[in-house]
Amino acid sequence: MADTEDYTRGRRDGLRLALAVLAAKEAKWATLLGESASWRTNLSREVRHKALQVAQKRLQTVLNRFSPKEEGAIDAELAAALEQLGL
Protein backbone atom coordinates (compact mmCIF):
# COMPACT_ATOMS: atom_id res chain seq x y z
CA MET A 1 0.00 0.00 0.00
CA ALA A 2 1.36 3.39 -0.94
CA ASP A 3 2.15 5.73 1.95
CA THR A 4 0.10 8.80 1.18
CA GLU A 5 0.20 11.82 3.46
CA ASP A 6 -3.31 11.07 4.77
CA TYR A 7 -2.38 7.47 5.49
CA THR A 8 0.78 8.37 7.40
CA ARG A 9 -1.04 11.13 9.29
CA GLY A 10 -3.68 8.56 10.28
CA ARG A 11 -0.97 6.19 11.49
CA ARG A 12 0.57 8.96 13.61
CA ASP A 13 -2.85 9.86 15.02
CA GLY A 14 -3.43 6.22 15.95
CA LEU A 15 -0.07 6.04 17.69
CA ARG A 16 -0.82 9.25 19.58
CA LEU A 17 -4.13 7.79 20.73
CA ALA A 18 -2.40 4.61 21.88
CA LEU A 19 0.15 6.68 23.80
CA ALA A 20 -2.61 8.62 25.52
CA VAL A 21 -4.37 5.40 26.55
CA LEU A 22 -1.15 3.93 27.88
CA ALA A 23 -0.37 7.12 29.79
CA ALA A 24 -3.77 6.99 31.47
CA LYS A 25 -3.31 3.33 32.41
CA GLU A 26 0.21 3.96 33.67
CA ALA A 27 -1.04 6.82 35.87
CA LYS A 28 -3.68 4.50 37.31
CA TRP A 29 -1.15 1.81 38.19
CA ALA A 30 1.42 4.31 39.47
CA THR A 31 -1.00 5.41 42.19
CA LEU A 32 -1.58 1.79 43.25
CA LEU A 33 2.08 0.87 43.64
CA GLY A 34 2.85 -0.33 47.16
CA GLU A 35 -0.74 0.21 48.37
CA SER A 36 -1.61 -3.43 48.97
CA ALA A 37 -0.76 -5.39 52.11
CA SER A 38 0.08 -8.35 49.89
CA TRP A 39 3.59 -8.46 48.46
CA ARG A 40 2.36 -10.54 45.52
CA THR A 41 -0.20 -7.91 44.57
CA ASN A 42 2.41 -5.17 44.90
CA LEU A 43 4.84 -7.14 42.73
CA SER A 44 2.15 -7.73 40.12
CA ARG A 45 1.34 -4.00 40.06
CA GLU A 46 5.02 -3.10 39.66
CA VAL A 47 5.38 -5.51 36.74
CA ARG A 48 2.24 -4.15 35.07
CA HIS A 49 3.42 -0.57 35.58
CA LYS A 50 6.83 -1.36 34.06
CA ALA A 51 5.19 -3.14 31.11
CA LEU A 52 3.11 -0.02 30.41
CA GLN A 53 6.24 2.14 30.52
CA VAL A 54 8.01 -0.18 28.06
CA ALA A 55 4.99 -0.15 25.74
CA GLN A 56 4.93 3.66 25.83
CA LYS A 57 8.61 3.81 24.90
CA ARG A 58 8.13 1.38 22.02
CA LEU A 59 5.18 3.34 20.67
CA GLN A 60 7.18 6.54 20.96
CA THR A 61 9.95 4.95 18.90
CA VAL A 62 7.49 3.95 16.18
CA LEU A 63 5.89 7.39 16.24
CA ASN A 64 9.31 8.99 15.79
CA ARG A 65 9.88 6.82 12.72
CA PHE A 66 6.64 8.09 11.16
CA SER A 67 7.21 11.74 12.03
CA PRO A 68 8.49 14.13 9.36
CA LYS A 69 12.28 14.30 9.23
CA GLU A 70 12.65 17.97 8.31
CA GLU A 71 13.66 20.35 11.10
CA GLY A 72 10.60 22.19 12.38
CA ALA A 73 8.20 19.90 10.54
CA ILE A 74 6.76 18.46 13.75
CA ASP A 75 3.29 19.86 14.16
CA ALA A 76 2.03 21.68 17.24
CA GLU A 77 -0.51 18.96 18.00
CA LEU A 78 2.17 16.28 18.19
CA ALA A 79 4.42 18.48 20.32
CA ALA A 80 1.58 19.20 22.74
CA ALA A 81 0.63 15.51 22.97
CA LEU A 82 4.20 14.45 23.66
CA GLU A 83 4.68 17.18 26.25
CA GLN A 84 1.47 16.17 28.00
CA LEU A 85 2.73 12.60 28.17
CA GLY A 86 6.10 13.73 29.46
CA LEU A 87 8.01 12.28 26.53
PDB file of N, CA and C in Angstrom:
ATOM      1  N   MET A   1       0.848  -1.180   0.000  1.00  0.00           N
ATOM      2  CA  MET A   1       0.000   0.000   0.000  1.00  0.00           C
ATOM      3  C   MET A   1       0.893   1.242   0.000  1.00  0.00           C
ATOM      4  N   ALA A   2       0.564   2.169  -0.840  1.00  0.00           N
ATOM      5  CA  ALA A   2       1.361   3.387  -0.943  1.00  0.00           C
ATOM      6  C   ALA A   2       1.138   4.258   0.281  1.00  0.00           C
ATOM      7  N   ASP A   3       2.236   4.840   0.791  1.00  0.00           N
ATOM      8  CA  ASP A   3       2.147   5.730   1.945  1.00  0.00           C
ATOM      9  C   ASP A   3       1.791   7.132   1.480  1.00  0.00           C
ATOM     10  N   THR A   4       0.518   7.443   1.495  1.00  0.00           N
ATOM     11  CA  THR A   4       0.104   8.799   1.176  1.00  0.00           C
ATOM     12  C   THR A   4       0.183   9.624   2.448  1.00  0.00           C
ATOM     13  N   GLU A   5       0.106  10.927   2.296  1.00  0.00           N
ATOM     14  CA  GLU A   5       0.196  11.817   3.463  1.00  0.00           C
ATOM     15  C   GLU A   5      -0.951  11.576   4.431  1.00  0.00           C
ATOM     16  N   ASP A   6      -2.160  11.338   3.900  1.00  0.00           N
ATOM     17  CA  ASP A   6      -3.309  11.069   4.774  1.00  0.00           C
ATOM     18  C   ASP A   6      -3.130   9.763   5.536  1.00  0.00           C
ATOM     19  N   TYR A   7      -2.603   8.768   4.863  1.00  0.00           N
ATOM     20  CA  TYR A   7      -2.381   7.471   5.491  1.00  0.00           C
ATOM     21  C   TYR A   7      -1.362   7.579   6.620  1.00  0.00           C
ATOM     22  N   THR A   8      -0.241   8.239   6.363  1.00  0.00           N
ATOM     23  CA  THR A   8       0.780   8.373   7.403  1.00  0.00           C
ATOM     24  C   THR A   8       0.296   9.262   8.540  1.00  0.00           C
ATOM     25  N   ARG A   9      -0.474  10.293   8.229  1.00  0.00           N
ATOM     26  CA  ARG A   9      -1.042  11.133   9.289  1.00  0.00           C
ATOM     27  C   ARG A   9      -1.991  10.300  10.156  1.00  0.00           C
ATOM     28  N   GLY A  10      -2.776   9.438   9.533  1.00  0.00           N
ATOM     29  CA  GLY A  10      -3.677   8.555  10.276  1.00  0.00           C
ATOM     30  C   GLY A  10      -2.916   7.594  11.172  1.00  0.00           C
ATOM     31  N   ARG A  11      -1.804   7.083  10.674  1.00  0.00           N
ATOM     32  CA  ARG A  11      -0.974   6.191  11.491  1.00  0.00           C
ATOM     33  C   ARG A  11      -0.425   6.945  12.702  1.00  0.00           C
ATOM     34  N   ARG A  12       0.044   8.162  12.485  1.00  0.00           N
ATOM     35  CA  ARG A  12       0.568   8.957  13.606  1.00  0.00           C
ATOM     36  C   ARG A  12      -0.539   9.266  14.608  1.00  0.00           C
ATOM     37  N   ASP A  13      -1.728   9.585  14.125  1.00  0.00           N
ATOM     38  CA  ASP A  13      -2.851   9.856  15.022  1.00  0.00           C
ATOM     39  C   ASP A  13      -3.194   8.623  15.854  1.00  0.00           C
ATOM     40  N   GLY A  14      -3.170   7.466  15.224  1.00  0.00           N
ATOM     41  CA  GLY A  14      -3.435   6.219  15.949  1.00  0.00           C
ATOM     42  C   GLY A  14      -2.395   5.955  17.024  1.00  0.00           C
ATOM     43  N   LEU A  15      -1.139   6.224  16.704  1.00  0.00           N
ATOM     44  CA  LEU A  15      -0.073   6.042  17.687  1.00  0.00           C
ATOM     45  C   LEU A  15      -0.210   7.036  18.838  1.00  0.00           C
ATOM     46  N   ARG A  16      -0.602   8.260  18.530  1.00  0.00           N
ATOM     47  CA  ARG A  16      -0.820   9.252  19.581  1.00  0.00           C
ATOM     48  C   ARG A  16      -1.956   8.817  20.507  1.00  0.00           C
ATOM     49  N   LEU A  17      -3.007   8.280  19.935  1.00  0.00           N
ATOM     50  CA  LEU A  17      -4.126   7.792  20.731  1.00  0.00           C
ATOM     51  C   LEU A  17      -3.676   6.638  21.633  1.00  0.00           C
ATOM     52  N   ALA A  18      -2.902   5.721  21.082  1.00  0.00           N
ATOM     53  CA  ALA A  18      -2.396   4.606  21.877  1.00  0.00           C
ATOM     54  C   ALA A  18      -1.509   5.107  23.015  1.00  0.00           C
ATOM     55  N   LEU A  19      -0.690   6.101  22.736  1.00  0.00           N
ATOM     56  CA  LEU A  19       0.154   6.683  23.795  1.00  0.00           C
ATOM     57  C   LEU A  19      -0.685   7.312  24.893  1.00  0.00           C
ATOM     58  N   ALA A  20      -1.745   7.986  24.518  1.00  0.00           N
ATOM     59  CA  ALA A  20      -2.611   8.618  25.517  1.00  0.00           C
ATOM     60  C   ALA A  20      -3.292   7.568  26.393  1.00  0.00           C
ATOM     61  N   VAL A  21      -3.743   6.478  25.782  1.00  0.00           N
ATOM     62  CA  VAL A  21      -4.373   5.400  26.545  1.00  0.00           C
ATOM     63  C   VAL A  21      -3.368   4.776  27.505  1.00  0.00           C
ATOM     64  N   LEU A  22      -2.180   4.509  27.020  1.00  0.00           N
ATOM     65  CA  LEU A  22      -1.147   3.926  27.880  1.00  0.00           C
ATOM     66  C   LEU A  22      -0.759   4.870  29.016  1.00  0.00           C
ATOM     67  N   ALA A  23      -0.702   6.151  28.736  1.00  0.00           N
ATOM     68  CA  ALA A  23      -0.365   7.120  29.787  1.00  0.00           C
ATOM     69  C   ALA A  23      -1.426   7.122  30.877  1.00  0.00           C
ATOM     70  N   ALA A  24      -2.686   7.023  30.485  1.00  0.00           N
ATOM     71  CA  ALA A  24      -3.768   6.986  31.474  1.00  0.00           C
ATOM     72  C   ALA A  24      -3.693   5.719  32.314  1.00  0.00           C
ATOM     73  N   LYS A  25      -3.442   4.588  31.673  1.00  0.00           N
ATOM     74  CA  LYS A  25      -3.314   3.327  32.406  1.00  0.00           C
ATOM     75  C   LYS A  25      -2.104   3.360  33.331  1.00  0.00           C
ATOM     76  N   GLU A  26      -0.987   3.904  32.845  1.00  0.00           N
ATOM     77  CA  GLU A  26       0.214   3.964  33.674  1.00  0.00           C
ATOM     78  C   GLU A  26      -0.034   4.832  34.902  1.00  0.00           C
ATOM     79  N   ALA A  27      -0.728   5.934  34.735  1.00  0.00           N
ATOM     80  CA  ALA A  27      -1.039   6.818  35.866  1.00  0.00           C
ATOM     81  C   ALA A  27      -1.896   6.084  36.893  1.00  0.00           C
ATOM     82  N   LYS A  28      -2.832   5.289  36.411  1.00  0.00           N
ATOM     83  CA  LYS A  28      -3.685   4.503  37.315  1.00  0.00           C
ATOM     84  C   LYS A  28      -2.840   3.532  38.136  1.00  0.00           C
ATOM     85  N   TRP A  29      -1.951   2.812  37.477  1.00  0.00           N
ATOM     86  CA  TRP A  29      -1.150   1.813  38.187  1.00  0.00           C
ATOM     87  C   TRP A  29      -0.078   2.459  39.048  1.00  0.00           C
ATOM     88  N   ALA A  30       0.397   3.620  38.667  1.00  0.00           N
ATOM     89  CA  ALA A  30       1.416   4.312  39.472  1.00  0.00           C
ATOM     90  C   ALA A  30       0.865   4.677  40.843  1.00  0.00           C
ATOM     91  N   THR A  31      -0.415   5.052  40.899  1.00  0.00           N
ATOM     92  CA  THR A  31      -1.004   5.412  42.185  1.00  0.00           C
ATOM     93  C   THR A  31      -1.237   4.196  43.068  1.00  0.00           C
ATOM     94  N   LEU A  32      -1.317   3.011  42.486  1.00  0.00           N
ATOM     95  CA  LEU A  32      -1.584   1.795  43.253  1.00  0.00           C
ATOM     96  C   LEU A  32      -0.319   1.085  43.729  1.00  0.00           C
ATOM     97  N   LEU A  33       0.840   1.544  43.262  1.00  0.00           N
ATOM     98  CA  LEU A  33       2.082   0.869  43.636  1.00  0.00           C
ATOM     99  C   LEU A  33       2.301   0.921  45.142  1.00  0.00           C
ATOM    100  N   GLY A  34       2.546  -0.253  45.729  1.00  0.00           N
ATOM    101  CA  GLY A  34       2.854  -0.332  47.156  1.00  0.00           C
ATOM    102  C   GLY A  34       1.664  -0.152  48.073  1.00  0.00           C
ATOM    103  N   GLU A  35       0.449  -0.055  47.552  1.00  0.00           N
ATOM    104  CA  GLU A  35      -0.737   0.209  48.366  1.00  0.00           C
ATOM    105  C   GLU A  35      -1.311  -1.043  49.028  1.00  0.00           C
ATOM    106  N   SER A  36      -1.025  -2.203  48.465  1.00  0.00           N
ATOM    107  CA  SER A  36      -1.611  -3.435  48.974  1.00  0.00           C
ATOM    108  C   SER A  36      -0.791  -4.003  50.133  1.00  0.00           C
ATOM    109  N   ALA A  37      -1.465  -4.706  51.012  1.00  0.00           N
ATOM    110  CA  ALA A  37      -0.764  -5.389  52.105  1.00  0.00           C
ATOM    111  C   ALA A  37      -0.075  -6.656  51.605  1.00  0.00           C
ATOM    112  N   SER A  38      -0.484  -7.135  50.452  1.00  0.00           N
ATOM    113  CA  SER A  38       0.081  -8.355  49.886  1.00  0.00           C
ATOM    114  C   SER A  38       1.287  -8.037  49.003  1.00  0.00           C
ATOM    115  N   TRP A  39       2.393  -8.696  49.272  1.00  0.00           N
ATOM    116  CA  TRP A  39       3.590  -8.456  48.461  1.00  0.00           C
ATOM    117  C   TRP A  39       3.395  -8.954  47.038  1.00  0.00           C
ATOM    118  N   ARG A  40       2.605 -10.026  46.874  1.00  0.00           N
ATOM    119  CA  ARG A  40       2.363 -10.537  45.521  1.00  0.00           C
ATOM    120  C   ARG A  40       1.578  -9.533  44.679  1.00  0.00           C
ATOM    121  N   THR A  41       0.584  -8.927  45.288  1.00  0.00           N
ATOM    122  CA  THR A  41      -0.197  -7.908  44.575  1.00  0.00           C
ATOM    123  C   THR A  41       0.681  -6.723  44.222  1.00  0.00           C
ATOM    124  N   ASN A  42       1.504  -6.287  45.164  1.00  0.00           N
ATOM    125  CA  ASN A  42       2.407  -5.167  44.895  1.00  0.00           C
ATOM    126  C   ASN A  42       3.382  -5.500  43.771  1.00  0.00           C
ATOM    127  N   LEU A  43       3.913  -6.716  43.776  1.00  0.00           N
ATOM    128  CA  LEU A  43       4.837  -7.138  42.725  1.00  0.00           C
ATOM    129  C   LEU A  43       4.135  -7.156  41.374  1.00  0.00           C
ATOM    130  N   SER A  44       2.920  -7.688  41.358  1.00  0.00           N
ATOM    131  CA  SER A  44       2.146  -7.725  40.116  1.00  0.00           C
ATOM    132  C   SER A  44       1.897  -6.319  39.582  1.00  0.00           C
ATOM    133  N   ARG A  45       1.584  -5.387  40.470  1.00  0.00           N
ATOM    134  CA  ARG A  45       1.343  -4.001  40.058  1.00  0.00           C
ATOM    135  C   ARG A  45       2.614  -3.361  39.521  1.00  0.00           C
ATOM    136  N   GLU A  46       3.750  -3.648  40.138  1.00  0.00           N
ATOM    137  CA  GLU A  46       5.019  -3.095  39.658  1.00  0.00           C
ATOM    138  C   GLU A  46       5.348  -3.621  38.265  1.00  0.00           C
ATOM    139  N   VAL A  47       5.116  -4.909  38.053  1.00  0.00           N
ATOM    140  CA  VAL A  47       5.381  -5.507  36.742  1.00  0.00           C
ATOM    141  C   VAL A  47       4.464  -4.898  35.689  1.00  0.00           C
ATOM    142  N   ARG A  48       3.194  -4.742  36.020  1.00  0.00           N
ATOM    143  CA  ARG A  48       2.243  -4.151  35.074  1.00  0.00           C
ATOM    144  C   ARG A  48       2.619  -2.707  34.757  1.00  0.00           C
ATOM    145  N   HIS A  49       3.021  -1.965  35.767  1.00  0.00           N
ATOM    146  CA  HIS A  49       3.422  -0.571  35.578  1.00  0.00           C
ATOM    147  C   HIS A  49       4.644  -0.490  34.666  1.00  0.00           C
ATOM    148  N   LYS A  50       5.624  -1.354  34.891  1.00  0.00           N
ATOM    149  CA  LYS A  50       6.829  -1.357  34.061  1.00  0.00           C
ATOM    150  C   LYS A  50       6.493  -1.758  32.619  1.00  0.00           C
ATOM    151  N   ALA A  51       5.584  -2.718  32.456  1.00  0.00           N
ATOM    152  CA  ALA A  51       5.186  -3.136  31.109  1.00  0.00           C
ATOM    153  C   ALA A  51       4.531  -1.978  30.357  1.00  0.00           C
ATOM    154  N   LEU A  52       3.730  -1.186  31.049  1.00  0.00           N
ATOM    155  CA  LEU A  52       3.107  -0.023  30.411  1.00  0.00           C
ATOM    156  C   LEU A  52       4.153   1.009  30.009  1.00  0.00           C
ATOM    157  N   GLN A  53       5.175   1.200  30.852  1.00  0.00           N
ATOM    158  CA  GLN A  53       6.239   2.138  30.517  1.00  0.00           C
ATOM    159  C   GLN A  53       7.011   1.669  29.290  1.00  0.00           C
ATOM    160  N   VAL A  54       7.291   0.379  29.213  1.00  0.00           N
ATOM    161  CA  VAL A  54       8.009  -0.176  28.060  1.00  0.00           C
ATOM    162  C   VAL A  54       7.165  -0.020  26.797  1.00  0.00           C
ATOM    163  N   ALA A  55       5.876  -0.289  26.897  1.00  0.00           N
ATOM    164  CA  ALA A  55       4.990  -0.146  25.740  1.00  0.00           C
ATOM    165  C   ALA A  55       4.952   1.301  25.265  1.00  0.00           C
ATOM    166  N   GLN A  56       4.915   2.248  26.204  1.00  0.00           N
ATOM    167  CA  GLN A  56       4.929   3.663  25.827  1.00  0.00           C
ATOM    168  C   GLN A  56       6.207   4.002  25.068  1.00  0.00           C
ATOM    169  N   LYS A  57       7.324   3.520  25.546  1.00  0.00           N
ATOM    170  CA  LYS A  57       8.613   3.812  24.901  1.00  0.00           C
ATOM    171  C   LYS A  57       8.654   3.224  23.494  1.00  0.00           C
ATOM    172  N   ARG A  58       8.138   2.013  23.338  1.00  0.00           N
ATOM    173  CA  ARG A  58       8.134   1.382  22.020  1.00  0.00           C
ATOM    174  C   ARG A  58       7.220   2.134  21.053  1.00  0.00           C
ATOM    175  N   LEU A  59       6.065   2.550  21.526  1.00  0.00           N
ATOM    176  CA  LEU A  59       5.176   3.336  20.672  1.00  0.00           C
ATOM    177  C   LEU A  59       5.808   4.671  20.299  1.00  0.00           C
ATOM    178  N   GLN A  60       6.508   5.276  21.241  1.00  0.00           N
ATOM    179  CA  GLN A  60       7.182   6.543  20.965  1.00  0.00           C
ATOM    180  C   GLN A  60       8.228   6.364  19.875  1.00  0.00           C
ATOM    181  N   THR A  61       8.943   5.238  19.924  1.00  0.00           N
ATOM    182  CA  THR A  61       9.949   4.947  18.905  1.00  0.00           C
ATOM    183  C   THR A  61       9.305   4.826  17.530  1.00  0.00           C
ATOM    184  N   VAL A  62       8.195   4.106  17.456  1.00  0.00           N
ATOM    185  CA  VAL A  62       7.494   3.949  16.178  1.00  0.00           C
ATOM    186  C   VAL A  62       6.961   5.292  15.696  1.00  0.00           C
ATOM    187  N   LEU A  63       6.408   6.074  16.614  1.00  0.00           N
ATOM    188  CA  LEU A  63       5.889   7.392  16.237  1.00  0.00           C
ATOM    189  C   LEU A  63       7.003   8.272  15.687  1.00  0.00           C
ATOM    190  N   ASN A  64       8.174   8.211  16.291  1.00  0.00           N
ATOM    191  CA  ASN A  64       9.314   8.990  15.792  1.00  0.00           C
ATOM    192  C   ASN A  64       9.699   8.579  14.380  1.00  0.00           C
ATOM    193  N   ARG A  65       9.551   7.298  14.060  1.00  0.00           N
ATOM    194  CA  ARG A  65       9.881   6.825  12.716  1.00  0.00           C
ATOM    195  C   ARG A  65       8.905   7.378  11.677  1.00  0.00           C
ATOM    196  N   PHE A  66       7.650   7.595  12.084  1.00  0.00           N
ATOM    197  CA  PHE A  66       6.640   8.087  11.158  1.00  0.00           C
ATOM    198  C   PHE A  66       6.571   9.604  11.103  1.00  0.00           C
ATOM    199  N   SER A  67       7.263  10.281  11.994  1.00  0.00           N
ATOM    200  CA  SER A  67       7.214  11.737  12.031  1.00  0.00           C
ATOM    201  C   SER A  67       8.065  12.318  10.913  1.00  0.00           C
ATOM    202  N   PRO A  68       7.697  13.491  10.422  1.00  0.00           N
ATOM    203  CA  PRO A  68       8.486  14.133   9.362  1.00  0.00           C
ATOM    204  C   PRO A  68       9.927  14.359   9.821  1.00  0.00           C
ATOM    205  N   LYS A  69      10.858  14.206   8.900  1.00  0.00           N
ATOM    206  CA  LYS A  69      12.282  14.299   9.234  1.00  0.00           C
ATOM    207  C   LYS A  69      12.836  15.721   9.179  1.00  0.00           C
ATOM    208  N   GLU A  70      12.145  16.615   8.458  1.00  0.00           N
ATOM    209  CA  GLU A  70      12.653  17.973   8.314  1.00  0.00           C
ATOM    210  C   GLU A  70      12.616  18.700   9.660  1.00  0.00           C
ATOM    211  N   GLU A  71      13.600  19.537   9.879  1.00  0.00           N
ATOM    212  CA  GLU A  71      13.662  20.348  11.102  1.00  0.00           C
ATOM    213  C   GLU A  71      12.470  21.286  11.131  1.00  0.00           C
ATOM    214  N   GLY A  72      11.749  21.308  12.237  1.00  0.00           N
ATOM    215  CA  GLY A  72      10.604  22.188  12.382  1.00  0.00           C
ATOM    216  C   GLY A  72       9.334  21.650  11.745  1.00  0.00           C
ATOM    217  N   ALA A  73       9.377  20.443  11.200  1.00  0.00           N
ATOM    218  CA  ALA A  73       8.202  19.898  10.536  1.00  0.00           C
ATOM    219  C   ALA A  73       7.227  19.244  11.516  1.00  0.00           C
ATOM    220  N   ILE A  74       7.639  19.055  12.745  1.00  0.00           N
ATOM    221  CA  ILE A  74       6.761  18.456  13.748  1.00  0.00           C
ATOM    222  C   ILE A  74       5.625  19.433  14.045  1.00  0.00           C
ATOM    223  N   ASP A  75       4.406  18.944  13.977  1.00  0.00           N
ATOM    224  CA  ASP A  75       3.285  19.858  14.156  1.00  0.00           C
ATOM    225  C   ASP A  75       3.016  20.153  15.627  1.00  0.00           C
ATOM    226  N   ALA A  76       2.296  21.224  15.871  1.00  0.00           N
ATOM    227  CA  ALA A  76       2.031  21.679  17.238  1.00  0.00           C
ATOM    228  C   ALA A  76       1.219  20.657  18.018  1.00  0.00           C
ATOM    229  N   GLU A  77       0.315  19.969  17.336  1.00  0.00           N
ATOM    230  CA  GLU A  77      -0.511  18.959  18.003  1.00  0.00           C
ATOM    231  C   GLU A  77       0.343  17.823  18.555  1.00  0.00           C
ATOM    232  N   LEU A  78       1.283  17.355  17.754  1.00  0.00           N
ATOM    233  CA  LEU A  78       2.170  16.284  18.185  1.00  0.00           C
ATOM    234  C   LEU A  78       3.045  16.749  19.347  1.00  0.00           C
ATOM    235  N   ALA A  79       3.583  17.935  19.236  1.00  0.00           N
ATOM    236  CA  ALA A  79       4.421  18.480  20.319  1.00  0.00           C
ATOM    237  C   ALA A  79       3.644  18.598  21.619  1.00  0.00           C
ATOM    238  N   ALA A  80       2.409  19.061  21.534  1.00  0.00           N
ATOM    239  CA  ALA A  80       1.584  19.199  22.742  1.00  0.00           C
ATOM    240  C   ALA A  80       1.251  17.831  23.336  1.00  0.00           C
ATOM    241  N   ALA A  81       0.949  16.855  22.488  1.00  0.00           N
ATOM    242  CA  ALA A  81       0.628  15.512  22.975  1.00  0.00           C
ATOM    243  C   ALA A  81       1.827  14.874  23.658  1.00  0.00           C
ATOM    244  N   LEU A  82       2.995  15.016  23.068  1.00  0.00           N
ATOM    245  CA  LEU A  82       4.201  14.445  23.660  1.00  0.00           C
ATOM    246  C   LEU A  82       4.564  15.144  24.959  1.00  0.00           C
ATOM    247  N   GLU A  83       4.392  16.452  25.021  1.00  0.00           N
ATOM    248  CA  GLU A  83       4.682  17.181  26.247  1.00  0.00           C
ATOM    249  C   GLU A  83       3.731  16.781  27.367  1.00  0.00           C
ATOM    250  N   GLN A  84       2.465  16.586  27.019  1.00  0.00           N
ATOM    251  CA  GLN A  84       1.472  16.171  28.005  1.00  0.00           C
ATOM    252  C   GLN A  84       1.819  14.802  28.563  1.00  0.00           C
ATOM    253  N   LEU A  85       2.350  13.926  27.729  1.00  0.00           N
ATOM    254  CA  LEU A  85       2.727  12.597  28.172  1.00  0.00           C
ATOM    255  C   LEU A  85       4.078  12.573  28.882  1.00  0.00           C
ATOM    256  N   GLY A  86       4.795  13.665  28.819  1.00  0.00           N
ATOM    257  CA  GLY A  86       6.099  13.729  29.465  1.00  0.00           C
ATOM    258  C   GLY A  86       7.184  13.039  28.678  1.00  0.00           C
ATOM    259  N   LEU A  87       7.019  12.969  27.359  1.00  0.00           N
ATOM    260  CA  LEU A  87       8.011  12.279  26.526  1.00  0.00           C
ATOM    261  C   LEU A  87       8.823  13.276  25.730  1.00  0.00           C
TER     262      LEU A  87
END
